[in-house]
N, C-alpha and C. Protein backbone atom coordinates (compact mmCIF):
# COMPACT_ATOMS: atom_id res chain seq x y z
N UNK A 1 3.56 -25.33 93.70
CA UNK A 1 4.77 -25.11 92.88
C UNK A 1 4.31 -24.75 91.50
N UNK A 2 4.83 -23.55 91.19
CA UNK A 2 4.51 -22.77 89.81
C UNK A 2 5.67 -23.19 88.78
N UNK A 3 5.19 -23.81 87.61
CA UNK A 3 6.36 -23.93 86.68
C UNK A 3 6.38 -22.50 85.83
N UNK A 4 7.57 -22.24 85.59
CA UNK A 4 7.84 -20.98 84.65
C UNK A 4 8.12 -21.51 83.30
N UNK A 5 7.63 -20.83 82.58
CA UNK A 5 7.93 -21.13 80.86
C UNK A 5 9.30 -20.42 80.71
N UNK A 6 9.94 -21.08 80.02
CA UNK A 6 11.63 -20.61 79.61
C UNK A 6 11.23 -20.20 78.24
N UNK A 7 12.08 -18.89 78.23
CA UNK A 7 12.08 -18.47 76.77
C UNK A 7 13.44 -18.85 76.05
N UNK A 8 13.49 -20.09 75.61
CA UNK A 8 14.79 -20.34 74.84
C UNK A 8 14.89 -19.58 73.73
N UNK A 9 16.13 -19.32 73.32
CA UNK A 9 16.31 -18.79 71.95
C UNK A 9 16.00 -19.58 70.72
N UNK A 10 15.32 -18.90 69.84
CA UNK A 10 14.92 -19.72 68.69
C UNK A 10 16.09 -20.09 67.99
N UNK A 11 16.06 -21.54 67.51
CA UNK A 11 17.12 -22.00 66.87
C UNK A 11 16.69 -21.48 65.39
N UNK A 12 17.85 -20.73 65.05
CA UNK A 12 17.70 -20.04 63.73
C UNK A 12 18.10 -20.93 62.53
N UNK A 13 18.77 -21.94 62.72
CA UNK A 13 18.99 -22.87 61.68
C UNK A 13 17.72 -23.70 61.09
N UNK A 14 16.83 -24.25 62.23
CA UNK A 14 15.71 -24.79 61.85
C UNK A 14 14.50 -23.90 61.81
N UNK A 15 14.47 -22.86 61.82
CA UNK A 15 13.37 -22.07 61.92
C UNK A 15 12.59 -22.04 60.87
N UNK A 16 11.07 -22.87 60.86
CA UNK A 16 10.39 -23.03 59.87
C UNK A 16 10.21 -21.83 58.99
N UNK A 17 10.11 -20.61 59.15
CA UNK A 17 9.86 -19.71 58.33
C UNK A 17 11.05 -19.41 57.65
N UNK A 18 12.33 -19.60 58.19
CA UNK A 18 13.49 -19.46 57.60
C UNK A 18 13.69 -20.37 56.58
N UNK A 19 13.35 -21.77 56.97
CA UNK A 19 13.31 -23.01 55.89
C UNK A 19 12.56 -22.48 54.51
N UNK A 20 11.28 -22.08 54.87
CA UNK A 20 10.40 -21.72 53.86
C UNK A 20 10.94 -20.39 53.09
N UNK A 21 11.42 -19.54 53.61
CA UNK A 21 12.03 -18.44 52.92
C UNK A 21 13.36 -18.73 52.17
N UNK A 22 14.04 -20.08 52.35
CA UNK A 22 15.15 -20.26 51.61
C UNK A 22 14.82 -21.04 50.57
N UNK A 23 13.62 -21.55 50.45
CA UNK A 23 13.22 -22.72 49.29
C UNK A 23 13.41 -22.15 47.83
N UNK A 24 12.56 -21.25 47.63
CA UNK A 24 12.79 -20.23 46.48
C UNK A 24 14.12 -20.04 45.86
N UNK A 25 14.82 -19.12 46.80
CA UNK A 25 16.22 -18.80 46.36
C UNK A 25 17.09 -20.34 45.91
N UNK A 26 16.75 -21.10 46.74
CA UNK A 26 17.61 -22.41 46.72
C UNK A 26 17.35 -23.23 45.09
N UNK A 27 15.78 -23.15 44.93
CA UNK A 27 15.40 -23.53 43.68
C UNK A 27 15.92 -22.82 42.41
N UNK A 28 15.89 -21.46 42.84
CA UNK A 28 16.39 -20.49 41.46
C UNK A 28 17.69 -20.74 41.30
N UNK A 29 18.73 -20.94 42.22
CA UNK A 29 20.02 -20.97 42.35
C UNK A 29 20.34 -22.68 41.63
N UNK A 30 19.51 -23.57 41.85
CA UNK A 30 19.85 -24.71 41.61
C UNK A 30 19.31 -24.90 39.93
N UNK A 31 18.25 -24.05 39.47
CA UNK A 31 17.99 -24.06 38.10
C UNK A 31 19.09 -23.28 37.52
N UNK A 32 19.54 -22.24 37.95
CA UNK A 32 20.77 -21.40 37.54
C UNK A 32 21.99 -22.31 37.05
N UNK A 33 22.38 -23.11 38.07
CA UNK A 33 23.63 -23.88 37.86
C UNK A 33 23.14 -24.95 37.00
N UNK A 34 22.11 -25.56 36.76
CA UNK A 34 21.70 -26.43 36.04
C UNK A 34 21.86 -25.99 34.45
N UNK A 35 21.14 -25.05 34.42
CA UNK A 35 21.08 -24.29 32.90
C UNK A 35 22.38 -23.94 32.67
N UNK A 36 23.12 -23.25 33.57
CA UNK A 36 24.56 -22.68 33.26
C UNK A 36 25.42 -23.76 32.80
N UNK A 37 25.33 -25.09 33.71
CA UNK A 37 26.28 -26.08 33.27
C UNK A 37 25.91 -26.58 31.87
N UNK A 38 24.45 -26.57 31.42
CA UNK A 38 24.23 -27.31 30.19
C UNK A 38 24.57 -26.37 29.03
N UNK A 39 24.53 -25.07 29.47
CA UNK A 39 24.96 -24.05 28.29
C UNK A 39 26.34 -24.17 28.21
N UNK A 40 27.34 -24.28 28.97
CA UNK A 40 28.47 -24.39 28.99
C UNK A 40 28.75 -25.74 28.17
N UNK A 41 28.07 -26.83 28.69
CA UNK A 41 28.41 -28.20 28.03
C UNK A 41 28.28 -28.07 26.34
N UNK A 42 27.24 -27.30 26.09
CA UNK A 42 26.95 -26.97 24.71
C UNK A 42 27.94 -26.59 23.79
N UNK A 43 28.94 -25.79 24.53
CA UNK A 43 30.01 -25.29 23.86
C UNK A 43 30.93 -26.02 23.37
N UNK A 44 30.98 -27.49 23.98
CA UNK A 44 31.95 -28.40 23.72
C UNK A 44 31.53 -29.81 23.07
N UNK A 45 30.23 -29.77 22.73
CA UNK A 45 29.82 -30.89 21.97
C UNK A 45 29.72 -30.64 20.40
N UNK A 46 29.61 -31.73 19.77
CA UNK A 46 29.62 -31.69 18.24
C UNK A 46 28.17 -32.33 17.96
N UNK A 47 27.04 -31.64 17.93
CA UNK A 47 25.77 -32.62 17.87
C UNK A 47 25.70 -33.14 16.34
N UNK A 48 24.64 -34.17 16.80
CA UNK A 48 24.70 -35.28 15.81
C UNK A 48 23.27 -35.01 15.09
N UNK A 49 22.56 -34.32 15.40
CA UNK A 49 21.12 -33.91 14.73
C UNK A 49 20.95 -32.44 14.66
N UNK A 50 20.31 -32.05 13.55
CA UNK A 50 19.90 -30.64 13.51
C UNK A 50 18.21 -31.00 13.48
N UNK A 51 17.91 -30.29 14.50
CA UNK A 51 16.42 -30.30 14.79
C UNK A 51 15.68 -28.94 14.27
N UNK A 52 14.97 -28.87 13.41
CA UNK A 52 14.05 -27.68 12.91
C UNK A 52 12.81 -27.56 13.52
N UNK A 53 12.49 -26.81 14.14
CA UNK A 53 11.19 -26.35 14.46
C UNK A 53 10.48 -25.81 13.35
N UNK A 54 9.26 -26.32 13.24
CA UNK A 54 8.51 -26.11 12.08
C UNK A 54 7.70 -24.78 12.18
N UNK A 55 7.24 -24.03 11.34
CA UNK A 55 6.58 -22.87 11.61
C UNK A 55 6.74 -21.94 10.48
N UNK A 56 7.71 -21.75 10.10
CA UNK A 56 8.43 -20.96 9.00
C UNK A 56 9.05 -21.56 7.92
N UNK A 57 9.03 -21.61 6.61
CA UNK A 57 9.76 -22.10 5.78
C UNK A 57 11.38 -21.73 5.91
N UNK A 58 11.38 -20.44 6.53
CA UNK A 58 12.86 -19.90 6.32
C UNK A 58 13.61 -20.77 7.27
N UNK A 59 12.97 -21.48 8.28
CA UNK A 59 13.84 -22.13 9.26
C UNK A 59 14.45 -23.55 8.37
N UNK A 60 13.66 -24.04 7.76
CA UNK A 60 14.12 -25.20 6.74
C UNK A 60 15.20 -24.54 6.01
N UNK A 61 14.77 -23.31 5.26
CA UNK A 61 16.04 -23.02 4.33
C UNK A 61 17.45 -22.85 5.01
N UNK A 62 17.31 -22.26 6.42
CA UNK A 62 18.44 -22.03 7.20
C UNK A 62 19.33 -23.56 7.54
N UNK A 63 18.34 -24.38 7.73
CA UNK A 63 18.84 -25.75 8.09
C UNK A 63 19.54 -26.45 6.83
N UNK A 64 19.19 -26.12 5.75
CA UNK A 64 19.62 -26.68 4.33
C UNK A 64 21.02 -26.05 4.28
N UNK A 65 21.38 -24.82 4.37
CA UNK A 65 22.47 -24.22 4.22
C UNK A 65 23.38 -24.81 5.38
N UNK A 66 22.95 -24.86 6.50
CA UNK A 66 23.79 -25.41 7.69
C UNK A 66 24.02 -26.85 7.56
N UNK A 67 23.21 -27.56 6.83
CA UNK A 67 23.46 -29.11 6.57
C UNK A 67 24.48 -29.18 5.62
N UNK A 68 24.50 -28.45 4.76
CA UNK A 68 25.73 -28.57 3.71
C UNK A 68 27.11 -28.49 4.39
N UNK A 69 27.30 -27.79 5.19
CA UNK A 69 28.52 -27.56 5.60
C UNK A 69 28.72 -28.72 7.09
N UNK A 70 27.77 -29.59 7.34
CA UNK A 70 27.68 -30.50 8.11
C UNK A 70 27.30 -31.82 7.66
N UNK A 71 28.04 -32.52 6.54
CA UNK A 71 27.42 -33.39 5.80
C UNK A 71 27.31 -34.92 6.38
N UNK A 72 27.51 -35.04 7.90
CA UNK A 72 27.21 -36.12 8.47
C UNK A 72 26.25 -36.16 9.33
N UNK A 73 25.51 -34.97 9.68
CA UNK A 73 24.79 -34.57 10.48
C UNK A 73 23.51 -34.81 10.00
N UNK A 74 22.41 -35.63 10.74
CA UNK A 74 21.20 -36.07 10.15
C UNK A 74 20.36 -34.76 10.43
N UNK A 75 19.33 -34.67 9.82
CA UNK A 75 18.29 -33.42 9.85
C UNK A 75 16.79 -33.96 10.40
N UNK A 76 16.38 -33.38 11.33
CA UNK A 76 14.80 -33.90 11.69
C UNK A 76 14.12 -32.43 11.63
N UNK A 77 13.03 -32.42 11.11
CA UNK A 77 12.16 -31.28 10.77
C UNK A 77 10.72 -31.67 11.66
N UNK A 78 10.42 -31.06 12.64
CA UNK A 78 9.43 -31.23 13.45
C UNK A 78 8.24 -30.38 12.91
N UNK A 79 7.24 -30.90 12.35
CA UNK A 79 5.78 -30.26 11.82
C UNK A 79 6.34 -28.88 11.17
N UNK A 80 6.88 -28.93 10.04
CA UNK A 80 7.27 -27.73 9.34
C UNK A 80 6.41 -27.54 8.16
N UNK A 81 6.86 -27.21 7.04
CA UNK A 81 6.18 -26.93 5.87
C UNK A 81 5.47 -28.46 5.35
N UNK A 82 4.85 -28.32 4.45
CA UNK A 82 4.37 -29.63 3.66
C UNK A 82 5.30 -30.58 3.45
N UNK A 83 5.28 -31.98 3.76
CA UNK A 83 6.37 -32.89 3.44
C UNK A 83 6.88 -32.79 1.89
N UNK A 84 6.28 -32.62 1.07
CA UNK A 84 6.79 -32.48 -0.38
C UNK A 84 7.57 -31.25 -0.55
N UNK A 85 7.42 -30.14 0.00
CA UNK A 85 8.20 -28.82 -0.17
C UNK A 85 9.39 -29.07 0.68
N UNK A 86 9.47 -29.74 1.82
CA UNK A 86 10.75 -29.96 2.62
C UNK A 86 11.49 -30.94 1.94
N UNK A 87 11.09 -31.77 1.40
CA UNK A 87 11.95 -32.94 0.50
C UNK A 87 12.46 -32.37 -0.77
N UNK A 88 11.67 -31.59 -1.28
CA UNK A 88 12.06 -30.89 -2.67
C UNK A 88 13.07 -29.93 -2.21
N UNK A 89 13.06 -29.05 -1.11
CA UNK A 89 14.22 -28.19 -0.69
C UNK A 89 15.43 -28.84 -0.25
N UNK A 90 15.33 -30.07 0.72
CA UNK A 90 16.69 -30.75 0.88
C UNK A 90 17.16 -31.44 -0.52
N UNK A 91 16.42 -31.95 -1.46
CA UNK A 91 16.87 -32.59 -2.61
C UNK A 91 17.44 -31.42 -3.56
N UNK A 92 17.01 -30.38 -3.64
CA UNK A 92 17.51 -29.35 -4.52
C UNK A 92 18.89 -29.00 -4.13
N UNK A 93 19.12 -29.05 -2.88
CA UNK A 93 20.46 -28.68 -2.20
C UNK A 93 21.46 -30.08 -2.25
N UNK A 94 21.12 -31.06 -2.53
CA UNK A 94 21.73 -32.13 -2.85
C UNK A 94 22.17 -32.98 -1.58
N UNK A 95 21.12 -32.84 -0.62
CA UNK A 95 21.59 -33.29 0.76
C UNK A 95 20.65 -34.83 0.46
N UNK A 96 21.16 -35.83 0.89
CA UNK A 96 20.80 -37.18 0.61
C UNK A 96 19.47 -37.35 1.70
N UNK A 97 18.55 -38.19 1.05
CA UNK A 97 17.08 -38.31 1.54
C UNK A 97 17.36 -39.14 2.87
N UNK A 98 18.29 -39.93 2.90
CA UNK A 98 18.40 -40.76 4.05
C UNK A 98 19.12 -39.99 5.52
N UNK A 99 19.27 -38.62 5.08
CA UNK A 99 19.81 -37.83 6.37
C UNK A 99 18.53 -37.20 6.74
N UNK A 100 17.41 -36.83 6.07
CA UNK A 100 16.34 -36.25 6.43
C UNK A 100 15.11 -37.17 6.89
N UNK A 101 14.71 -36.44 8.11
CA UNK A 101 13.59 -37.26 8.87
C UNK A 101 12.41 -36.24 9.08
N UNK A 102 11.39 -36.50 8.69
CA UNK A 102 10.27 -35.52 8.88
C UNK A 102 9.16 -35.96 9.68
N UNK A 103 8.95 -35.37 11.00
CA UNK A 103 8.15 -35.99 11.92
C UNK A 103 6.75 -34.72 12.17
N UNK A 104 5.70 -35.28 11.72
CA UNK A 104 4.48 -34.21 11.83
C UNK A 104 3.59 -34.32 12.96
N UNK A 105 3.98 -34.81 14.02
CA UNK A 105 3.28 -35.13 15.22
C UNK A 105 2.96 -33.90 15.85
N UNK A 106 4.04 -32.98 16.25
CA UNK A 106 3.80 -32.00 17.08
C UNK A 106 2.83 -30.86 16.70
N UNK A 107 2.21 -30.25 17.56
CA UNK A 107 1.24 -29.38 17.40
C UNK A 107 1.49 -28.02 17.88
N UNK A 108 2.78 -28.04 18.63
CA UNK A 108 3.22 -26.50 19.10
C UNK A 108 4.74 -26.66 19.68
N UNK A 109 5.16 -25.69 20.34
CA UNK A 109 6.50 -25.72 20.49
C UNK A 109 6.76 -27.03 21.84
N UNK A 110 5.96 -27.29 22.66
CA UNK A 110 6.29 -28.18 23.59
C UNK A 110 6.28 -29.58 23.01
N UNK A 111 5.32 -29.83 22.03
CA UNK A 111 5.16 -31.32 21.38
C UNK A 111 6.33 -31.20 20.49
N UNK A 112 6.85 -30.27 20.03
CA UNK A 112 8.04 -30.62 19.17
C UNK A 112 9.07 -31.10 19.72
N UNK A 113 9.31 -30.96 21.10
CA UNK A 113 10.13 -31.92 22.13
C UNK A 113 9.55 -33.10 22.52
N UNK A 114 8.64 -33.12 23.04
CA UNK A 114 7.98 -34.16 23.65
C UNK A 114 7.71 -35.31 22.77
N UNK A 115 7.42 -35.24 21.35
CA UNK A 115 7.22 -36.23 20.63
C UNK A 115 8.52 -36.49 20.04
N UNK A 116 9.58 -36.11 20.16
CA UNK A 116 10.92 -36.63 19.65
C UNK A 116 11.88 -37.27 20.81
N UNK A 117 11.48 -36.85 22.07
CA UNK A 117 12.56 -37.03 22.90
C UNK A 117 12.95 -38.52 23.12
N UNK A 118 11.94 -39.38 23.11
CA UNK A 118 11.90 -40.83 23.29
C UNK A 118 12.83 -41.50 22.33
N UNK A 119 12.12 -40.88 20.78
CA UNK A 119 13.06 -41.26 19.63
C UNK A 119 14.58 -41.15 19.82
N UNK A 120 15.05 -39.65 20.13
CA UNK A 120 16.28 -39.65 20.17
C UNK A 120 17.08 -40.37 21.32
N UNK A 121 16.47 -40.50 22.55
CA UNK A 121 16.99 -41.23 23.63
C UNK A 121 17.31 -42.58 22.76
N UNK A 122 16.21 -43.19 22.50
CA UNK A 122 16.34 -44.43 21.99
C UNK A 122 17.58 -44.80 20.91
N UNK A 123 17.76 -43.84 19.97
CA UNK A 123 18.92 -43.94 19.05
C UNK A 123 20.29 -43.43 19.76
N UNK A 124 20.24 -43.20 21.04
CA UNK A 124 21.43 -42.78 21.70
C UNK A 124 22.07 -41.30 21.43
N UNK A 125 21.05 -40.64 20.93
CA UNK A 125 21.46 -39.06 20.30
C UNK A 125 21.60 -38.29 21.86
N UNK A 126 22.77 -37.66 21.89
CA UNK A 126 22.82 -36.88 23.40
C UNK A 126 23.24 -35.49 23.02
N UNK A 127 23.19 -34.94 21.55
CA UNK A 127 23.22 -33.64 21.73
C UNK A 127 22.56 -33.26 20.08
N UNK A 128 21.89 -31.95 20.11
CA UNK A 128 21.41 -31.54 18.85
C UNK A 128 21.70 -30.00 18.60
N UNK A 129 21.63 -29.82 17.38
CA UNK A 129 21.58 -28.24 17.09
C UNK A 129 20.07 -27.96 17.07
N UNK A 130 19.78 -26.97 17.57
CA UNK A 130 18.34 -26.47 17.51
C UNK A 130 18.20 -25.36 16.68
N UNK A 131 17.51 -25.44 15.64
CA UNK A 131 17.14 -24.27 14.74
C UNK A 131 15.68 -24.00 14.86
N UNK A 132 15.46 -22.59 15.13
CA UNK A 132 14.38 -21.85 15.13
C UNK A 132 14.64 -20.38 14.93
N UNK A 133 13.50 -19.56 14.86
CA UNK A 133 13.69 -18.24 14.67
C UNK A 133 14.28 -17.44 16.03
N UNK A 134 15.08 -16.47 15.98
CA UNK A 134 15.52 -15.89 17.22
C UNK A 134 14.43 -15.39 18.16
N UNK A 135 13.30 -14.86 17.60
CA UNK A 135 12.51 -14.38 18.59
C UNK A 135 11.76 -15.63 19.40
N UNK A 136 11.81 -16.95 18.78
CA UNK A 136 11.20 -18.02 19.30
C UNK A 136 12.25 -18.86 20.18
N UNK A 137 13.52 -18.43 20.09
CA UNK A 137 14.35 -19.37 20.65
C UNK A 137 14.52 -19.54 22.08
N UNK A 138 14.04 -18.29 22.80
CA UNK A 138 13.99 -18.41 24.31
C UNK A 138 13.18 -19.46 24.76
N UNK A 139 12.03 -19.27 24.31
CA UNK A 139 10.67 -20.39 24.69
C UNK A 139 11.10 -21.71 24.26
N UNK A 140 11.70 -21.95 22.79
CA UNK A 140 12.19 -23.20 22.61
C UNK A 140 13.32 -23.71 23.49
N UNK A 141 14.31 -23.07 23.82
CA UNK A 141 15.36 -23.64 24.93
C UNK A 141 14.67 -23.79 26.25
N UNK A 142 13.65 -23.10 26.57
CA UNK A 142 13.24 -23.36 27.93
C UNK A 142 12.62 -24.75 27.92
N UNK A 143 12.02 -24.79 26.93
CA UNK A 143 10.94 -26.24 26.96
C UNK A 143 12.23 -27.37 26.38
N UNK A 144 13.09 -27.19 25.66
CA UNK A 144 13.93 -27.88 25.27
C UNK A 144 14.88 -28.56 26.59
N UNK A 145 15.19 -27.59 27.12
CA UNK A 145 16.08 -27.80 28.24
C UNK A 145 15.59 -28.65 29.51
N UNK A 146 14.45 -28.48 29.39
CA UNK A 146 13.45 -29.40 30.55
C UNK A 146 13.06 -30.58 29.98
N UNK A 147 12.65 -30.72 28.58
CA UNK A 147 12.43 -32.03 28.06
C UNK A 147 13.48 -32.65 27.66
N UNK A 148 14.32 -32.24 26.77
CA UNK A 148 15.73 -33.05 26.46
C UNK A 148 16.48 -33.36 27.55
N UNK A 149 16.49 -32.12 28.38
CA UNK A 149 17.41 -32.38 29.49
C UNK A 149 17.17 -33.43 30.52
N UNK A 150 15.95 -33.78 30.54
CA UNK A 150 15.50 -34.92 31.46
C UNK A 150 15.92 -36.07 30.81
N UNK A 151 16.54 -36.37 29.62
CA UNK A 151 17.21 -37.48 29.11
C UNK A 151 18.68 -37.27 28.83
N UNK A 152 19.08 -36.10 29.19
CA UNK A 152 20.58 -35.66 29.07
C UNK A 152 20.89 -35.38 27.66
N UNK A 153 19.96 -35.05 27.03
CA UNK A 153 20.38 -34.48 25.64
C UNK A 153 20.79 -32.81 25.70
N UNK A 154 21.81 -32.55 25.10
CA UNK A 154 22.35 -31.17 25.08
C UNK A 154 21.84 -30.34 23.82
N UNK A 155 21.58 -29.09 24.07
CA UNK A 155 20.98 -28.49 23.18
C UNK A 155 21.82 -27.28 22.88
N UNK A 156 22.38 -27.09 21.34
CA UNK A 156 23.07 -26.18 20.88
C UNK A 156 22.32 -25.43 20.13
N UNK A 157 22.02 -24.06 20.35
CA UNK A 157 21.03 -23.25 19.68
C UNK A 157 21.59 -22.87 18.26
N UNK A 158 20.80 -22.49 17.24
CA UNK A 158 21.14 -22.02 15.90
C UNK A 158 20.05 -21.04 15.83
N UNK A 159 19.99 -19.83 16.22
CA UNK A 159 18.85 -19.11 15.81
C UNK A 159 19.02 -18.42 14.52
N UNK A 160 17.81 -18.24 13.72
CA UNK A 160 17.68 -17.58 12.56
C UNK A 160 17.16 -16.25 12.60
N UNK A 161 17.93 -15.40 12.05
CA UNK A 161 17.59 -13.75 12.19
C UNK A 161 16.22 -13.47 11.89
N UNK A 162 15.11 -13.44 12.64
CA UNK A 162 13.92 -12.83 12.15
C UNK A 162 13.74 -11.29 11.76
N UNK A 163 14.37 -10.48 12.27
CA UNK A 163 13.87 -9.15 12.31
C UNK A 163 12.86 -8.87 13.50
N UNK A 164 12.50 -9.64 13.95
CA UNK A 164 11.32 -9.40 15.01
C UNK A 164 11.86 -9.38 16.38
N UNK A 165 10.88 -8.64 17.32
CA UNK A 165 11.21 -8.45 18.71
C UNK A 165 10.95 -9.91 19.37
N UNK A 166 11.66 -10.12 20.44
CA UNK A 166 11.39 -11.48 21.29
C UNK A 166 10.18 -11.67 21.57
N UNK A 167 9.75 -12.90 21.68
CA UNK A 167 8.35 -13.26 22.20
C UNK A 167 8.24 -12.70 23.70
N UNK A 168 7.13 -12.63 24.22
CA UNK A 168 6.96 -12.29 25.40
C UNK A 168 7.39 -13.20 26.37
N UNK A 169 8.11 -12.83 27.59
CA UNK A 169 8.46 -13.83 28.43
C UNK A 169 7.52 -14.81 28.99
N UNK A 170 6.18 -14.30 29.03
CA UNK A 170 5.03 -15.08 29.57
C UNK A 170 4.96 -16.49 28.78
N UNK A 171 5.27 -16.42 27.45
CA UNK A 171 4.99 -17.59 26.64
C UNK A 171 6.14 -18.68 27.03
N UNK A 172 7.29 -18.12 27.53
CA UNK A 172 8.29 -19.25 27.72
C UNK A 172 7.96 -19.68 29.17
N UNK A 173 7.39 -18.76 30.18
CA UNK A 173 6.92 -19.50 31.33
C UNK A 173 5.89 -20.35 31.14
N UNK A 174 4.78 -20.02 30.33
CA UNK A 174 3.82 -20.93 30.24
C UNK A 174 4.17 -22.15 29.49
N UNK A 175 5.14 -22.36 28.70
CA UNK A 175 5.43 -23.47 27.89
C UNK A 175 6.43 -24.21 28.86
N UNK A 176 7.38 -23.33 29.61
CA UNK A 176 8.19 -24.17 30.31
C UNK A 176 7.39 -24.94 31.58
N UNK A 177 6.57 -24.43 31.94
CA UNK A 177 5.64 -24.93 33.15
C UNK A 177 4.97 -26.18 32.49
N UNK A 178 4.33 -26.17 31.25
CA UNK A 178 3.80 -27.23 30.39
C UNK A 178 4.84 -28.32 30.39
N UNK A 179 6.03 -27.93 30.14
CA UNK A 179 7.01 -28.98 29.95
C UNK A 179 7.24 -29.69 31.29
N UNK A 180 7.22 -28.90 32.31
CA UNK A 180 7.49 -29.63 33.82
C UNK A 180 6.50 -30.51 34.18
N UNK A 181 5.25 -30.08 33.71
CA UNK A 181 4.06 -30.90 33.99
C UNK A 181 4.15 -32.02 33.29
N UNK A 182 4.67 -32.13 31.90
CA UNK A 182 4.90 -33.31 31.07
C UNK A 182 5.89 -34.20 31.75
N UNK A 183 6.88 -33.65 32.40
CA UNK A 183 7.89 -34.54 33.23
C UNK A 183 7.19 -35.35 34.08
N UNK A 184 6.17 -34.85 34.63
CA UNK A 184 5.59 -35.65 36.11
C UNK A 184 4.34 -36.57 35.44
N UNK A 185 3.69 -35.98 34.33
CA UNK A 185 2.34 -36.58 34.10
C UNK A 185 2.40 -37.36 32.85
N UNK A 186 3.25 -36.84 31.93
CA UNK A 186 3.18 -37.30 30.29
C UNK A 186 2.13 -36.57 29.71
N UNK A 187 1.52 -35.56 30.19
CA UNK A 187 0.81 -34.59 29.57
C UNK A 187 1.16 -33.08 29.13
N UNK A 188 0.81 -32.78 27.79
CA UNK A 188 1.60 -31.47 27.30
C UNK A 188 0.41 -30.41 27.61
N UNK A 189 -0.82 -30.91 27.57
CA UNK A 189 -1.56 -29.63 27.77
C UNK A 189 -2.07 -29.08 26.34
N UNK A 190 -1.46 -29.59 25.12
CA UNK A 190 -1.46 -29.07 23.89
C UNK A 190 -3.04 -29.16 23.65
N UNK A 191 -3.83 -30.01 23.65
CA UNK A 191 -5.07 -29.68 23.09
C UNK A 191 -6.01 -28.64 24.05
N UNK A 192 -5.34 -28.08 25.14
CA UNK A 192 -6.14 -27.18 25.67
C UNK A 192 -5.67 -25.82 25.25
N UNK A 193 -4.72 -25.53 24.37
CA UNK A 193 -4.25 -24.32 24.08
C UNK A 193 -4.46 -24.14 22.66
N UNK A 194 -4.51 -22.89 22.31
CA UNK A 194 -4.25 -22.24 20.70
C UNK A 194 -2.91 -22.76 20.28
N UNK A 195 -2.54 -23.41 19.43
CA UNK A 195 -1.30 -23.78 19.20
C UNK A 195 -0.37 -22.54 18.58
N UNK A 196 0.64 -22.76 19.20
CA UNK A 196 1.76 -21.60 18.57
C UNK A 196 3.26 -22.02 18.85
């Protein structure tokens, strides 16, 4: 007696190739929903902190002007100008020294966030204004959404007009990937890269 092989129809719902093909679009959709939700949430929050990313003195000057109109908001400067210059800038503007916090640990955009996230989380800070140049904002937001988003901290961007073209997308992808690696390993990769 000979057994005949049956050609059963393939189950299209559990087809392994179909599942693999659906993973990437599902991840992209999930990230889109996550970032979209966080962007909408940023419209309705009144941040408690102004976070200035170092790199250009103009960012600190911009933060001084913004801080004047937000007298209860604390200011954190992450690896900006020399400390004496930053203090003098805020002192001349009449901003109380107890509002100003200068943190010099960051080496680059990723570490601007990773060095402060636990401090902010410990203090119960759940939203920040993010000050950086407009050409740098995309990369800063990508990294910030991964790092600060992992602790539920919402980012409200305050871009400073630089007059420059936006940075290449590859920098956002690179640093976004580094931020994701940091989530799982605690490593930023800062020592492996030229700092920017």
